Amino acid sequence: MVANSLPGTARAFWTVGPGQGELRTVELPAPGPDEALVRTLHTGISRGTEMLVYKDQVPDAVQDLMRCPFQEGELPAPVKYGYLAVGVVEQGPDGLLGRNVFCLHPHQDRFVAPVEALIPVPDGVPAARAVLTGMVETAVNAVWEAGPRLSDRIAVIGGGIVGLLVAALLKRFPLGRLQLIDIDPGKADTAAALGLDFAAPDEAAGDCDIVIHCSASQDGLATGLGLLGDEGELIEMSWYGDHPVQVPLGGAFHARRLSIRASQVGAVAAARRARRTNRDRLMVAMALLQDPVFDVLLTGSSSFDELPDVMRRLASGELGALCHVIDY
């Protein structure tokens, strides 16, 4: 168990250099009239953007664009970064007092945030599962980007947590075919637990209407383009940080009139932007998490005191996880 912070202070995780992190004591202001004090129950670790921040792999040109909502410090370091927090409101409006809430906040044992930034957790959603809200939000945005139609043939490439979530949401649509594709046969069990059809790249069915690419690999991108049917579209969800990527635009790319479109959660998908806010999108994600099938994605947990070592082990590959949960 982590010792309680002193009044007026909290403990937070900071990245202090490439592959280096530590717990620091930070100032905790008193909540204002439109704010709440939240005692953290769980946070989740993002294996995508957060890990790129931890390893100092965010290109200089986009460091300002990649700020998270309650970030302190500046990239590359020292910086307080993260966005998957669930806690209980200890001070705030009567309607939220004692309620579990989700917030796009870094790893910190207590924090103050505007009420509008807090998403109430329904009674049917366990607090640990609710850390997935920010990742489900990313998947919701991708589905809005893709705009699947009746009887579409869709492939999702990459069996990490984002790919699994996208495929799990697409499974709710009346599609003609849906496959999750990954080079790791070990991902088949998780796919099966979500009711998904799994295939290795050389076994995947082609002539797809839509491919959603989540593998963050050059080979995965090439595979996805190869699986598209004529005039098909690839939705690129991967963020490669500072890694250069070659896109195979030769061969039949132009003759078959293929398309590549980026999906990034920082803005609501264009198809819904006029009628949905970022908060609306988070509320959709939270409602979806009432399905207990998503518990299969919570693949480990550690205490807050262990977080610096957990981040190091995740970055080195020593610790494998889909979503590793930090308990407070």
Protein backbone atom coordinates (compact mmCIF):
# COMPACT_ATOMS: atom_id res chain seq x y z
CA MET A 1 0.00 0.00 0.00
CA VAL A 2 1.12 3.56 -0.73
CA ALA A 3 1.23 5.88 2.25
CA ASN A 4 -1.26 8.73 2.18
CA SER A 5 0.08 12.05 0.93
CA LEU A 6 0.43 14.93 3.35
CA PRO A 7 -2.35 17.55 3.22
CA GLY A 8 -1.71 19.87 0.29
CA THR A 9 0.55 17.41 -1.48
CA ALA A 10 0.27 14.33 -3.66
CA ARG A 11 2.63 11.79 -5.18
CA ALA A 12 2.99 11.56 -8.94
CA PHE A 13 5.04 9.65 -11.49
CA TRP A 14 7.45 11.73 -13.59
CA THR A 15 9.55 10.71 -16.55
CA VAL A 16 12.94 12.27 -15.83
CA GLY A 17 14.97 10.97 -18.79
CA PRO A 18 14.90 8.34 -21.54
CA GLY A 19 13.71 5.14 -19.84
CA GLN A 20 13.88 6.73 -16.39
CA GLY A 21 11.05 7.61 -14.04
CA GLU A 22 10.49 8.41 -10.38
CA LEU A 23 7.75 9.24 -7.88
CA ARG A 24 7.76 12.87 -6.79
CA THR A 25 5.83 14.88 -4.24
CA VAL A 26 3.79 17.59 -5.96
CA GLU A 27 1.63 20.44 -4.73
CA LEU A 28 -2.09 19.69 -4.45
CA PRO A 29 -4.25 22.83 -4.64
CA ALA A 30 -7.58 23.12 -2.88
CA PRO A 31 -10.47 22.46 -5.29
CA GLY A 32 -12.31 25.53 -6.59
CA PRO A 33 -16.10 25.85 -7.00
CA ASP A 34 -16.17 23.95 -10.31
CA GLU A 35 -13.51 21.41 -9.37
CA ALA A 36 -13.27 18.17 -7.42
CA LEU A 37 -10.63 16.40 -5.36
CA VAL A 38 -10.19 12.81 -6.52
CA ARG A 39 -8.43 10.01 -4.64
CA THR A 40 -7.00 7.66 -7.25
CA LEU A 41 -7.97 4.00 -7.19
CA HIS A 42 -6.30 2.77 -10.40
CA THR A 43 -4.42 4.06 -13.40
CA GLY A 44 -3.63 2.26 -16.63
CA ILE A 45 -0.41 2.42 -18.63
CA SER A 46 -0.72 3.25 -22.32
CA ARG A 47 1.61 0.98 -24.30
CA GLY A 48 1.50 3.42 -27.22
CA THR A 49 1.98 7.16 -26.79
CA GLU A 50 2.88 7.02 -23.10
CA MET A 51 5.64 4.50 -23.73
CA LEU A 52 7.03 6.62 -26.59
CA VAL A 53 7.13 9.58 -24.17
CA TYR A 54 8.90 7.45 -21.56
CA LYS A 55 11.51 6.32 -24.08
CA ASP A 56 12.01 9.85 -25.51
CA GLN A 57 10.80 8.88 -28.97
CA VAL A 58 8.43 11.80 -29.61
CA PRO A 59 9.69 13.93 -32.53
CA ASP A 60 10.51 17.54 -31.63
CA ALA A 61 8.07 18.83 -34.24
CA VAL A 62 5.01 17.33 -32.50
CA GLN A 63 5.91 17.60 -28.83
CA ASP A 64 3.45 20.44 -28.24
CA LEU A 65 0.71 18.59 -30.14
CA MET A 66 1.19 15.47 -27.97
CA ARG A 67 0.53 17.19 -24.65
CA CYS A 68 -1.91 15.27 -22.46
CA PRO A 69 -4.71 17.16 -20.66
CA PHE A 70 -3.10 17.53 -17.20
CA GLN A 71 0.55 17.30 -18.19
CA GLU A 72 3.14 19.10 -16.11
CA GLY A 73 6.62 19.80 -17.42
CA GLU A 74 7.63 19.68 -21.06
CA LEU A 75 8.63 16.89 -23.40
CA PRO A 76 11.02 15.19 -23.51
CA ALA A 77 11.63 15.45 -19.72
CA PRO A 78 11.08 15.98 -16.90
CA VAL A 79 7.38 15.52 -17.53
CA LYS A 80 4.30 14.15 -15.77
CA TYR A 81 2.43 12.23 -18.45
CA GLY A 82 -0.48 9.76 -18.60
CA TYR A 83 -4.21 9.72 -19.21
CA LEU A 84 -5.97 6.65 -17.77
CA ALA A 85 -7.01 7.43 -14.19
CA VAL A 86 -9.98 6.24 -12.13
CA GLY A 87 -10.68 7.47 -8.62
CA VAL A 88 -13.31 8.41 -6.07
CA VAL A 89 -14.43 12.01 -5.52
CA GLU A 90 -13.60 13.08 -1.96
CA GLN A 91 -14.51 16.78 -2.32
CA GLY A 92 -16.80 18.25 -4.94
CA PRO A 93 -20.42 18.69 -5.97
CA ASP A 94 -23.03 16.61 -4.15
CA GLY A 95 -23.85 14.72 -7.35
CA LEU A 96 -20.27 13.42 -7.60
CA LEU A 97 -19.26 13.10 -3.95
CA GLY A 98 -18.31 9.48 -3.25
CA ARG A 99 -18.69 8.52 -6.93
CA ASN A 100 -16.04 6.74 -8.98
CA VAL A 101 -14.94 8.82 -11.96
CA PHE A 102 -12.61 8.50 -14.94
CA CYS A 103 -10.24 11.32 -15.86
CA LEU A 104 -7.54 11.81 -18.51
CA HIS A 105 -4.99 12.44 -15.76
CA PRO A 106 -1.40 11.24 -15.24
CA HIS A 107 -0.36 8.73 -12.55
CA GLN A 108 -0.93 10.52 -9.22
CA ASP A 109 -2.42 9.36 -5.92
CA ARG A 110 -4.73 12.37 -5.52
CA PHE A 111 -5.54 15.15 -7.94
CA VAL A 112 -7.79 18.16 -8.47
CA ALA A 113 -9.60 18.47 -11.80
CA PRO A 114 -12.49 20.44 -13.29
CA VAL A 115 -15.83 18.69 -12.87
CA GLU A 116 -16.35 18.77 -16.64
CA ALA A 117 -13.23 16.60 -17.03
CA LEU A 118 -14.66 13.81 -14.84
CA ILE A 119 -16.68 10.99 -16.40
CA PRO A 120 -18.88 9.17 -13.84
CA VAL A 121 -18.32 5.41 -13.75
CA PRO A 122 -21.63 3.47 -13.87
CA ASP A 123 -22.32 1.02 -11.06
CA GLY A 124 -21.96 -1.85 -13.54
CA VAL A 125 -18.36 -0.97 -14.41
CA PRO A 126 -15.63 -2.05 -11.93
CA ALA A 127 -13.11 0.70 -11.20
CA ALA A 128 -10.18 -1.30 -12.62
CA ARG A 129 -12.00 -1.94 -15.92
CA ALA A 130 -12.83 1.76 -16.19
CA VAL A 131 -9.15 2.61 -16.80
CA LEU A 132 -9.77 1.30 -20.33
CA THR A 133 -12.08 4.26 -21.05
CA GLY A 134 -9.40 6.32 -22.77
CA MET A 135 -8.37 3.40 -24.97
CA VAL A 136 -11.96 2.52 -25.85
CA GLU A 137 -12.40 6.18 -26.77
CA THR A 138 -9.56 5.77 -29.27
CA ALA A 139 -11.28 2.72 -30.74
CA VAL A 140 -14.64 4.53 -30.94
CA ASN A 141 -12.98 7.33 -32.88
CA ALA A 142 -11.44 4.86 -35.32
CA VAL A 143 -14.81 3.20 -35.96
CA TRP A 144 -16.33 6.63 -36.58
CA GLU A 145 -13.45 7.34 -38.99
CA ALA A 146 -13.89 4.04 -40.86
CA GLY A 147 -17.68 4.29 -41.23
CA PRO A 148 -18.31 0.55 -41.78
CA ARG A 149 -21.25 -0.41 -43.97
CA LEU A 150 -23.53 -3.43 -44.11
CA SER A 151 -21.66 -6.58 -45.22
CA ASP A 152 -18.24 -4.88 -45.33
CA ARG A 153 -15.11 -7.03 -45.31
CA ILE A 154 -12.74 -5.61 -42.68
CA ALA A 155 -9.30 -6.56 -41.38
CA VAL A 156 -7.75 -5.16 -38.21
CA ILE A 157 -3.98 -5.53 -38.22
CA GLY A 158 -2.23 -5.60 -34.85
CA GLY A 159 -3.41 -7.52 -31.80
CA GLY A 160 -2.32 -5.00 -29.20
CA ILE A 161 -4.92 -3.44 -26.97
CA VAL A 162 -6.04 -0.81 -29.49
CA GLY A 163 -6.41 -3.34 -32.31
CA LEU A 164 -8.30 -5.71 -30.04
CA LEU A 165 -10.64 -2.94 -28.90
CA VAL A 166 -11.32 -1.76 -32.46
CA ALA A 167 -12.08 -5.31 -33.55
CA ALA A 168 -14.29 -5.91 -30.50
CA LEU A 169 -16.37 -2.83 -31.38
CA LEU A 170 -16.57 -3.75 -35.06
CA LYS A 171 -17.87 -7.19 -34.07
CA ARG A 172 -21.12 -5.47 -33.09
CA PHE A 173 -21.75 -4.48 -36.73
CA PRO A 174 -23.45 -6.69 -39.39
CA LEU A 175 -20.24 -7.18 -41.37
CA GLY A 176 -19.56 -9.65 -44.11
CA ARG A 177 -16.18 -10.56 -42.62
CA LEU A 178 -13.97 -9.40 -39.77
CA GLN A 179 -10.47 -10.69 -39.06
CA LEU A 180 -7.87 -9.73 -36.47
CA ILE A 181 -4.39 -10.22 -37.91
CA ASP A 182 -1.11 -10.49 -36.01
CA ILE A 183 2.27 -12.15 -36.47
CA ASP A 184 2.14 -13.49 -32.87
CA PRO A 185 0.06 -16.70 -32.69
CA GLY A 186 -0.22 -16.14 -28.95
CA LYS A 187 -2.72 -13.36 -29.63
CA ALA A 188 -5.21 -15.96 -30.90
CA ASP A 189 -6.39 -16.85 -27.39
CA THR A 190 -7.22 -13.25 -26.53
CA ALA A 191 -8.96 -12.83 -29.86
CA ALA A 192 -11.03 -15.95 -29.20
CA ALA A 193 -12.01 -14.63 -25.75
CA LEU A 194 -13.42 -11.55 -27.53
CA GLY A 195 -15.20 -13.73 -30.11
CA LEU A 196 -12.90 -12.64 -32.95
CA ASP A 197 -11.60 -14.55 -35.96
CA PHE A 198 -7.78 -14.56 -35.83
CA ALA A 199 -5.37 -15.02 -38.73
CA ALA A 200 -1.64 -14.81 -39.37
CA PRO A 201 -0.67 -12.36 -42.15
CA ASP A 202 -0.13 -15.11 -44.72
CA GLU A 203 -3.55 -16.60 -43.93
CA ALA A 204 -5.54 -13.36 -44.00
CA ALA A 205 -8.39 -12.92 -46.46
CA GLY A 206 -7.99 -10.16 -49.03
CA ASP A 207 -10.31 -7.97 -51.09
CA CYS A 208 -11.14 -5.94 -47.96
CA ASP A 209 -13.31 -2.85 -48.06
CA ILE A 210 -11.53 -1.41 -45.01
CA VAL A 211 -8.28 -2.24 -43.24
CA ILE A 212 -7.55 -0.68 -39.84
CA HIS A 213 -3.83 -0.74 -39.11
CA CYS A 214 -2.73 -0.77 -35.46
CA SER A 215 0.57 -2.70 -35.47
CA ALA A 216 2.92 0.33 -35.53
CA SER A 217 5.15 -1.57 -37.96
CA GLN A 218 6.19 -0.95 -41.53
CA ASP A 219 5.52 -4.59 -42.44
CA GLY A 220 2.02 -4.39 -40.96
CA LEU A 221 1.25 -1.33 -43.04
CA ALA A 222 2.43 -3.10 -46.21
CA THR A 223 0.32 -6.14 -45.31
CA GLY A 224 -2.73 -3.94 -44.83
CA LEU A 225 -2.39 -2.27 -48.21
CA GLY A 226 -2.01 -5.68 -49.80
CA LEU A 227 -5.27 -6.88 -48.26
CA LEU A 228 -7.38 -4.04 -49.65
CA GLY A 229 -9.68 -4.55 -52.59
CA ASP A 230 -9.83 -2.01 -55.41
CA GLU A 231 -10.59 1.51 -54.08
CA GLY A 232 -10.38 0.22 -50.51
CA GLU A 233 -9.25 2.40 -47.61
CA LEU A 234 -6.69 1.84 -44.88
CA ILE A 235 -7.25 3.66 -41.58
CA GLU A 236 -3.83 4.25 -40.01
CA MET A 237 -4.02 4.26 -36.21
CA SER A 238 -0.34 3.58 -35.52
CA TRP A 239 1.89 6.35 -34.28
CA TYR A 240 5.53 5.62 -35.01
CA GLY A 241 7.14 8.34 -32.93
CA ASP A 242 10.54 9.18 -34.41
CA HIS A 243 10.85 5.92 -36.37
CA PRO A 244 11.05 6.46 -40.16
CA VAL A 245 8.53 4.35 -42.09
CA GLN A 246 8.51 3.44 -45.76
CA VAL A 247 5.02 3.29 -47.31
CA PRO A 248 4.76 1.01 -50.39
CA LEU A 249 3.10 3.40 -52.81
CA GLY A 250 4.55 1.73 -55.90
CA GLY A 251 3.18 -1.39 -57.55
CA ALA A 252 -0.60 -1.37 -57.76
CA PHE A 253 -1.28 1.36 -55.18
CA HIS A 254 -2.27 4.01 -57.73
CA ALA A 255 -3.75 1.67 -60.33
CA ARG A 256 -6.09 0.20 -57.69
CA ARG A 257 -6.91 3.68 -56.30
CA LEU A 258 -6.18 2.77 -52.68
CA SER A 259 -6.43 5.32 -49.85
CA ILE A 260 -4.68 5.83 -46.53
CA ARG A 261 -6.28 8.01 -43.86
CA ALA A 262 -4.98 8.84 -40.39
CA SER A 263 -7.06 8.40 -37.24
CA GLN A 264 -5.89 10.26 -34.13
CA VAL A 265 -7.90 10.61 -30.95
CA GLY A 266 -6.94 14.25 -30.33
CA ALA A 267 -9.94 15.37 -32.40
CA VAL A 268 -13.34 13.76 -32.84
CA ALA A 269 -13.56 11.97 -36.20
CA ALA A 270 -14.66 14.39 -38.93
CA ALA A 271 -17.79 12.35 -39.64
CA ARG A 272 -19.08 13.09 -36.11
CA ARG A 273 -17.25 16.29 -35.13
CA ALA A 274 -20.23 18.61 -35.74
CA ARG A 275 -22.50 16.59 -33.45
CA ARG A 276 -20.21 15.00 -30.81
CA THR A 277 -17.77 16.52 -28.32
CA ASN A 278 -14.74 14.85 -26.78
CA ARG A 279 -16.79 14.36 -23.61
CA ASP A 280 -19.61 12.73 -25.61
CA ARG A 281 -17.06 10.31 -27.04
CA LEU A 282 -15.76 9.44 -23.55
CA MET A 283 -19.32 8.84 -22.37
CA VAL A 284 -19.85 6.41 -25.27
CA ALA A 285 -16.66 4.58 -24.31
CA MET A 286 -17.69 4.34 -20.67
CA ALA A 287 -21.12 2.93 -21.56
CA LEU A 288 -19.48 0.24 -23.72
CA LEU A 289 -17.37 -0.89 -20.75
CA GLN A 290 -20.40 -2.33 -19.01
CA ASP A 291 -19.62 -5.48 -21.03
CA PRO A 292 -17.42 -7.74 -18.83
CA VAL A 293 -15.72 -9.21 -21.90
CA PHE A 294 -13.26 -6.31 -21.74
CA ASP A 295 -11.74 -7.70 -18.52
CA VAL A 296 -9.63 -10.02 -20.69
CA LEU A 297 -7.58 -6.95 -21.66
CA LEU A 298 -6.48 -6.27 -18.06
CA THR A 299 -3.39 -8.47 -18.02
CA GLY A 300 -1.52 -7.47 -14.87
CA SER A 301 -1.39 -5.14 -11.90
CA SER A 302 1.18 -3.58 -9.58
CA SER A 303 1.21 -1.11 -6.72
CA PHE A 304 1.85 2.59 -7.24
CA ASP A 305 5.20 2.27 -5.44
CA GLU A 306 6.28 -0.22 -8.11
CA LEU A 307 5.40 2.06 -11.05
CA PRO A 308 8.95 3.27 -11.85
CA ASP A 309 10.16 -0.34 -12.13
CA VAL A 310 7.02 -1.41 -14.04
CA MET A 311 7.59 1.31 -16.64
CA ARG A 312 11.21 0.22 -17.05
CA ARG A 313 10.20 -3.43 -17.50
CA LEU A 314 7.45 -2.58 -20.00
CA ALA A 315 9.84 -0.43 -22.02
CA SER A 316 12.50 -3.17 -22.13
CA GLY A 317 10.00 -5.89 -23.06
CA GLU A 318 10.73 -7.79 -19.85
CA LEU A 319 7.09 -7.34 -18.82
CA GLY A 320 4.42 -8.11 -21.39
CA ALA A 321 0.93 -6.68 -21.02
CA LEU A 322 -2.07 -5.42 -22.91
CA CYS A 323 -3.19 -3.01 -20.19
CA HIS A 324 -1.17 -3.09 -16.98
CA VAL A 325 -3.11 -1.59 -14.08
CA ILE A 326 -1.53 0.38 -11.24
CA ASP A 327 -3.34 0.03 -7.89
CA TYR A 328 -3.32 2.83 -5.31
